[in-house]
């Protein structure tokens, strides 16, 4: 049964930092959503865009992830999908919902890497065509 949205589902993992990391991911997704809306309406200049990207990178906890994160953020902003809600499905399970606006929409590899950069483990990806396990998603 197809859902009304696509998603990246993930495990929250370590209990000692899960709430802090979940909240930080929510802030980054909110900033991306807001930036995409301003960009679409022509209200974003290049200087403020670069400043916002640096601010988003600072929210990430994993120093190893920061090197590629600016590229991933740029790719997320360029993809043709609406970033939806960050939803908690249980004590250790959550998902980022998105809505593809066109096909092909650019894929969600960068969105997956963003979620992983907060230390979360991908469980499943609904790409609009298939629902894939993390392993199957990586093999494509």
Foldseek 3Di string as FASTA:
>chain_A
DDDPWWKWKWWQPDPVCSVLLLVLLQVLLVLLLVVLVCVVVVNDDPVVVVVSLVVNLVSFDAPVLSVCLSVLSVLVSQFQKHWDDWADPDPTMIITIIHHPDPPRRDCPSVVSSSCSSVIGTAWTGGPPDIGGPVVVVVD
